């Protein structure tokens, strides 16, 4: 019987192992550099330390990975835009209030209208 990793002569190909190890090592470095390993470790530790384990470990991971992941630059830009729009909205409301107050000075009071 031949091993799945053997060549035609039945011997294990060392080049195959080195190539696979090299690819694995590159991928591991990529995950480490991008913060994936650190994030997964933190979330798994949080799940381990959870006193009452959730019914769905997968849902726990999804929820906590979303919270632990760095903010998408596009999402952050949208948050800033929303904050700016809220400020503008408040300014417009204040301006509207002042303009209504000024306008009311030039409109006759309800008592004066009845007298006409």
N, C-alpha and C. Protein backbone atom coordinates (compact mmCIF):
# COMPACT_ATOMS: atom_id res chain seq x y z
N UNK A 1 0.84 -1.17 0.00
CA UNK A 1 0.00 0.00 0.00
C UNK A 1 0.89 1.24 0.00
N UNK A 2 0.52 2.22 -0.82
CA UNK A 2 1.35 3.42 -0.94
C UNK A 2 0.78 4.55 -0.11
N UNK A 3 1.64 5.35 0.42
CA UNK A 3 1.26 6.54 1.18
C UNK A 3 0.82 7.62 0.19
N UNK A 4 -0.12 8.43 0.56
CA UNK A 4 -0.62 9.48 -0.34
C UNK A 4 0.47 10.48 -0.71
N UNK A 5 1.52 10.54 0.10
CA UNK A 5 2.57 11.52 -0.16
C UNK A 5 3.82 10.88 -0.74
N UNK A 6 3.74 9.65 -1.20
CA UNK A 6 4.92 8.98 -1.73
C UNK A 6 4.98 9.13 -3.24
N UNK A 7 6.18 8.98 -3.80
CA UNK A 7 6.31 9.02 -5.25
C UNK A 7 6.16 7.61 -5.80
N UNK A 8 6.47 7.40 -7.11
CA UNK A 8 6.26 6.10 -7.73
C UNK A 8 7.08 5.00 -7.07
N UNK A 9 8.21 5.34 -6.49
CA UNK A 9 9.05 4.33 -5.86
C UNK A 9 8.60 4.05 -4.43
N UNK A 10 7.61 4.80 -3.93
CA UNK A 10 7.13 4.56 -2.58
C UNK A 10 7.86 5.38 -1.54
N UNK A 11 8.83 6.19 -1.97
CA UNK A 11 9.55 7.01 -0.98
C UNK A 11 8.88 8.38 -0.88
N UNK A 12 9.02 8.96 0.28
CA UNK A 12 8.39 10.24 0.54
C UNK A 12 9.21 11.33 -0.14
N UNK A 13 8.54 12.21 -0.85
CA UNK A 13 9.22 13.31 -1.53
C UNK A 13 9.48 14.46 -0.58
N UNK A 14 10.74 14.73 -0.25
CA UNK A 14 11.09 15.79 0.67
C UNK A 14 10.77 17.17 0.06
N UNK A 15 10.90 17.29 -1.24
CA UNK A 15 10.61 18.57 -1.88
C UNK A 15 9.15 18.94 -1.69
N UNK A 16 8.30 17.92 -1.72
CA UNK A 16 6.86 18.14 -1.51
C UNK A 16 6.61 18.71 -0.12
N UNK A 17 7.27 18.13 0.89
CA UNK A 17 7.10 18.61 2.26
C UNK A 17 7.63 20.02 2.42
N UNK A 18 8.80 20.30 1.84
CA UNK A 18 9.39 21.63 1.96
C UNK A 18 8.50 22.68 1.31
N UNK A 19 7.95 22.36 0.15
CA UNK A 19 7.07 23.31 -0.54
C UNK A 19 5.81 23.55 0.28
N UNK A 20 5.23 22.48 0.82
CA UNK A 20 4.01 22.63 1.63
C UNK A 20 4.31 23.41 2.90
N UNK A 21 5.46 23.10 3.55
CA UNK A 21 5.84 23.82 4.76
C UNK A 21 6.09 25.29 4.46
N UNK A 22 6.72 25.56 3.34
CA UNK A 22 7.01 26.94 2.95
C UNK A 22 5.71 27.72 2.73
N UNK A 23 4.77 27.10 2.04
CA UNK A 23 3.47 27.75 1.80
C UNK A 23 2.73 27.97 3.11
N UNK A 24 2.77 26.96 3.98
CA UNK A 24 2.12 27.08 5.28
C UNK A 24 2.75 28.20 6.09
N UNK A 25 4.06 28.26 6.08
CA UNK A 25 4.78 29.28 6.84
C UNK A 25 4.48 30.67 6.29
N UNK A 26 4.42 30.81 4.98
CA UNK A 26 4.06 32.10 4.37
C UNK A 26 2.65 32.52 4.78
N UNK A 27 1.75 31.56 4.75
CA UNK A 27 0.37 31.85 5.11
C UNK A 27 0.27 32.23 6.59
N UNK A 28 1.00 31.52 7.45
CA UNK A 28 1.00 31.82 8.88
C UNK A 28 1.53 33.23 9.12
N UNK A 29 2.62 33.60 8.43
CA UNK A 29 3.18 34.96 8.58
C UNK A 29 2.17 36.01 8.10
N UNK A 30 1.49 35.70 7.00
CA UNK A 30 0.46 36.60 6.48
C UNK A 30 -0.64 36.82 7.52
N UNK A 31 -1.13 35.72 8.13
CA UNK A 31 -2.18 35.83 9.14
C UNK A 31 -1.69 36.59 10.36
N UNK A 32 -0.45 36.36 10.75
CA UNK A 32 0.11 37.04 11.91
C UNK A 32 0.28 38.53 11.63
N UNK A 33 0.81 38.85 10.46
CA UNK A 33 1.06 40.25 10.08
C UNK A 33 -0.24 41.05 9.98
N UNK A 34 -1.28 40.42 9.51
CA UNK A 34 -2.56 41.11 9.33
C UNK A 34 -3.40 41.15 10.60
N UNK A 35 -2.92 40.52 11.69
CA UNK A 35 -3.62 40.58 12.96
C UNK A 35 -4.69 39.52 13.15
N UNK A 36 -4.81 38.61 12.20
CA UNK A 36 -5.85 37.59 12.28
C UNK A 36 -5.58 36.64 13.46
N UNK A 37 -4.34 36.19 13.59
CA UNK A 37 -4.04 35.25 14.68
C UNK A 37 -4.28 35.88 16.04
N UNK A 38 -3.88 37.12 16.20
CA UNK A 38 -4.08 37.81 17.48
C UNK A 38 -5.58 37.96 17.78
N UNK A 39 -6.36 38.36 16.78
CA UNK A 39 -7.79 38.54 16.98
C UNK A 39 -8.47 37.22 17.32
N UNK A 40 -8.14 36.17 16.57
CA UNK A 40 -8.74 34.86 16.84
C UNK A 40 -8.36 34.37 18.23
N UNK A 41 -7.11 34.58 18.61
CA UNK A 41 -6.68 34.15 19.94
C UNK A 41 -7.46 34.87 21.02
N UNK A 42 -7.62 36.18 20.89
CA UNK A 42 -8.35 36.96 21.88
C UNK A 42 -9.81 36.50 21.99
N UNK A 43 -10.44 36.26 20.85
CA UNK A 43 -11.84 35.84 20.86
C UNK A 43 -11.99 34.44 21.44
N UNK A 44 -11.08 33.56 21.09
CA UNK A 44 -11.16 32.20 21.64
C UNK A 44 -10.89 32.19 23.15
N UNK A 45 -9.98 33.04 23.60
CA UNK A 45 -9.73 33.16 25.04
C UNK A 45 -10.98 33.70 25.74
N UNK A 46 -11.63 34.68 25.12
CA UNK A 46 -12.86 35.24 25.69
C UNK A 46 -13.94 34.16 25.80
N UNK A 47 -14.05 33.33 24.77
CA UNK A 47 -15.02 32.22 24.80
C UNK A 47 -14.64 31.23 25.90
N UNK A 48 -13.37 30.91 26.03
CA UNK A 48 -12.90 29.98 27.05
C UNK A 48 -13.20 30.51 28.45
N UNK A 49 -13.02 31.83 28.64
CA UNK A 49 -13.22 32.43 29.96
C UNK A 49 -14.68 32.77 30.25
N UNK A 50 -15.55 32.61 29.28
CA UNK A 50 -16.97 32.87 29.46
C UNK A 50 -17.53 31.90 30.50
N UNK A 51 -18.08 32.42 31.62
CA UNK A 51 -18.58 31.52 32.67
C UNK A 51 -19.71 30.62 32.19
N UNK A 52 -20.65 31.19 31.47
CA UNK A 52 -21.74 30.39 30.91
C UNK A 52 -21.56 30.34 29.41
N UNK A 53 -21.19 29.18 28.94
CA UNK A 53 -20.91 29.02 27.52
C UNK A 53 -22.18 29.28 26.70
N UNK A 54 -22.05 30.03 25.60
CA UNK A 54 -23.22 30.30 24.76
C UNK A 54 -23.68 29.04 24.04
N UNK A 55 -24.94 29.04 23.64
CA UNK A 55 -25.48 27.89 22.90
C UNK A 55 -24.75 27.70 21.59
N UNK A 56 -24.41 28.80 20.95
CA UNK A 56 -23.72 28.73 19.66
C UNK A 56 -22.36 29.39 19.77
N UNK A 57 -21.33 28.58 19.78
CA UNK A 57 -19.97 29.11 19.83
C UNK A 57 -19.67 29.90 18.57
N UNK A 58 -20.22 29.46 17.45
CA UNK A 58 -19.99 30.15 16.18
C UNK A 58 -20.58 31.56 16.21
N UNK A 59 -21.79 31.70 16.74
CA UNK A 59 -22.39 33.03 16.86
C UNK A 59 -21.57 33.92 17.79
N UNK A 60 -21.06 33.33 18.87
CA UNK A 60 -20.19 34.07 19.79
C UNK A 60 -18.97 34.60 19.04
N UNK A 61 -18.34 33.72 18.26
CA UNK A 61 -17.15 34.12 17.50
C UNK A 61 -17.49 35.21 16.48
N UNK A 62 -18.58 35.03 15.75
CA UNK A 62 -18.98 36.03 14.75
C UNK A 62 -19.20 37.39 15.40
N UNK A 63 -19.91 37.39 16.51
CA UNK A 63 -20.22 38.64 17.21
C UNK A 63 -18.94 39.31 17.72
N UNK A 64 -18.08 38.53 18.34
CA UNK A 64 -16.88 39.11 18.95
C UNK A 64 -15.79 39.44 17.93
N UNK A 65 -15.74 38.70 16.85
CA UNK A 65 -14.75 39.04 15.82
C UNK A 65 -15.14 40.36 15.17
N UNK A 66 -16.43 40.55 14.96
CA UNK A 66 -16.88 41.82 14.40
C UNK A 66 -16.54 42.98 15.31
N UNK A 67 -16.61 42.78 16.61
CA UNK A 67 -16.30 43.83 17.57
C UNK A 67 -14.81 44.04 17.70
N UNK A 68 -14.03 42.98 17.51
CA UNK A 68 -12.59 43.08 17.71
C UNK A 68 -11.85 43.50 16.45
N UNK A 69 -12.50 43.34 15.32
CA UNK A 69 -11.81 43.65 14.06
C UNK A 69 -11.58 45.15 13.92
N UNK A 70 -10.46 45.49 13.29
CA UNK A 70 -10.23 46.92 13.05
C UNK A 70 -11.31 47.48 12.14
N UNK A 71 -11.62 48.74 12.33
CA UNK A 71 -12.69 49.38 11.57
C UNK A 71 -12.32 49.50 10.10
N UNK A 72 -13.24 49.15 9.26
CA UNK A 72 -13.08 49.32 7.82
C UNK A 72 -12.96 50.82 7.53
N UNK A 73 -11.99 51.24 6.73
CA UNK A 73 -11.82 52.68 6.47
C UNK A 73 -13.08 53.32 5.87
N UNK A 74 -13.79 52.58 5.05
CA UNK A 74 -15.02 53.11 4.44
C UNK A 74 -16.08 53.34 5.52
N UNK A 75 -16.20 52.42 6.45
CA UNK A 75 -17.17 52.55 7.54
C UNK A 75 -16.80 53.75 8.41
N UNK A 76 -15.51 53.90 8.70
CA UNK A 76 -15.06 55.04 9.50
C UNK A 76 -15.36 56.35 8.79
N UNK A 77 -15.15 56.40 7.48
CA UNK A 77 -15.46 57.61 6.71
C UNK A 77 -16.96 57.92 6.79
N UNK A 78 -17.79 56.89 6.71
CA UNK A 78 -19.24 57.09 6.81
C UNK A 78 -19.64 57.58 8.20
N UNK A 79 -18.99 57.05 9.23
CA UNK A 79 -19.27 57.52 10.60
C UNK A 79 -18.95 59.02 10.73
N UNK A 80 -17.82 59.42 10.18
CA UNK A 80 -17.44 60.84 10.24
C UNK A 80 -18.45 61.69 9.47
N UNK A 81 -18.88 61.20 8.33
CA UNK A 81 -19.86 61.94 7.53
C UNK A 81 -21.18 62.08 8.28
N UNK A 82 -21.62 61.02 8.94
CA UNK A 82 -22.86 61.07 9.73
C UNK A 82 -22.71 62.10 10.85
N UNK A 83 -21.56 62.11 11.52
CA UNK A 83 -21.34 63.07 12.61
C UNK A 83 -21.39 64.50 12.07
N UNK A 84 -20.78 64.73 10.91
CA UNK A 84 -20.81 66.07 10.29
C UNK A 84 -22.24 66.46 9.93
N UNK A 85 -22.99 65.52 9.39
CA UNK A 85 -24.37 65.80 8.99
C UNK A 85 -25.23 66.11 10.22
N UNK A 86 -24.98 65.44 11.33
CA UNK A 86 -25.73 65.73 12.56
C UNK A 86 -25.44 67.15 13.02
N UNK A 87 -24.17 67.56 12.95
CA UNK A 87 -23.81 68.92 13.34
C UNK A 87 -24.51 69.94 12.45
N UNK A 88 -24.48 69.69 11.14
CA UNK A 88 -25.15 70.60 10.20
C UNK A 88 -26.65 70.66 10.47
N UNK A 89 -27.24 69.50 10.75
CA UNK A 89 -28.66 69.43 11.03
C UNK A 89 -29.01 70.28 12.25
N UNK A 90 -28.20 70.13 13.31
CA UNK A 90 -28.44 70.92 14.53
C UNK A 90 -28.30 72.41 14.24
N UNK A 91 -27.32 72.79 13.43
CA UNK A 91 -27.13 74.20 13.07
C UNK A 91 -28.33 74.72 12.28
N UNK A 92 -28.83 73.92 11.36
CA UNK A 92 -30.00 74.32 10.56
C UNK A 92 -31.23 74.46 11.45
N UNK A 93 -31.40 73.54 12.39
CA UNK A 93 -32.53 73.65 13.32
C UNK A 93 -32.45 74.95 14.13
N UNK A 94 -31.26 75.28 14.61
CA UNK A 94 -31.08 76.51 15.38
C UNK A 94 -31.36 77.74 14.52
N UNK A 95 -30.86 77.73 13.29
CA UNK A 95 -31.10 78.84 12.37
C UNK A 95 -32.60 78.97 12.09
N UNK A 96 -33.28 77.86 11.88
CA UNK A 96 -34.71 77.84 11.62
C UNK A 96 -35.46 78.47 12.80
N UNK A 97 -35.07 78.11 13.99
CA UNK A 97 -35.70 78.64 15.20
C UNK A 97 -35.55 80.17 15.25
N UNK A 98 -34.33 80.65 14.97
CA UNK A 98 -34.07 82.10 14.99
C UNK A 98 -34.88 82.82 13.92
N UNK A 99 -34.93 82.23 12.72
CA UNK A 99 -35.68 82.85 11.63
C UNK A 99 -37.18 82.89 11.93
N UNK A 100 -37.69 81.84 12.54
CA UNK A 100 -39.11 81.84 12.94
C UNK A 100 -39.38 82.92 13.97
N UNK A 101 -38.45 83.10 14.87
CA UNK A 101 -38.59 84.13 15.88
C UNK A 101 -38.61 85.52 15.23
N UNK A 102 -37.70 85.77 14.30
CA UNK A 102 -37.66 87.05 13.58
C UNK A 102 -38.94 87.27 12.78
N UNK A 103 -39.38 86.22 12.12
CA UNK A 103 -40.58 86.31 11.30
C UNK A 103 -41.81 86.64 12.15
N UNK A 104 -41.85 86.09 13.33
CA UNK A 104 -43.00 86.32 14.19
C UNK A 104 -43.11 87.79 14.60
N UNK A 105 -42.02 88.53 14.56
CA UNK A 105 -42.04 89.96 14.88
C UNK A 105 -42.81 90.74 13.82
N UNK A 106 -42.81 90.25 12.59
CA UNK A 106 -43.46 90.97 11.49
C UNK A 106 -44.87 90.48 11.21
N UNK A 107 -45.25 89.39 11.80
CA UNK A 107 -46.61 88.89 11.61
C UNK A 107 -47.49 89.44 12.72
N UNK A 108 -48.73 89.76 12.37
CA UNK A 108 -49.64 90.27 13.41
C UNK A 108 -49.96 89.17 14.42
N UNK A 109 -50.15 89.55 15.64
CA UNK A 109 -50.52 88.61 16.70
C UNK A 109 -51.94 88.16 16.45
N UNK A 110 -52.33 86.99 16.96
CA UNK A 110 -53.70 86.48 16.75
C UNK A 110 -54.75 87.45 17.26
N UNK A 111 -54.50 88.22 18.33
CA UNK A 111 -55.49 89.17 18.84
C UNK A 111 -55.71 90.31 17.84
N UNK A 112 -54.63 90.74 17.17
CA UNK A 112 -54.74 91.82 16.21
C UNK A 112 -55.52 91.39 14.98
N UNK A 113 -55.40 90.14 14.58
CA UNK A 113 -56.09 89.64 13.40
C UNK A 113 -57.60 89.69 13.64
N UNK A 114 -58.05 89.39 14.85
CA UNK A 114 -59.46 89.36 15.16
C UNK A 114 -60.06 90.78 15.10
N UNK A 115 -59.25 91.74 15.42
CA UNK A 115 -59.74 93.11 15.45
C UNK A 115 -59.93 93.70 14.06
N UNK A 116 -59.38 93.13 13.06
CA UNK A 116 -59.46 93.69 11.71
C UNK A 116 -60.84 93.58 11.12
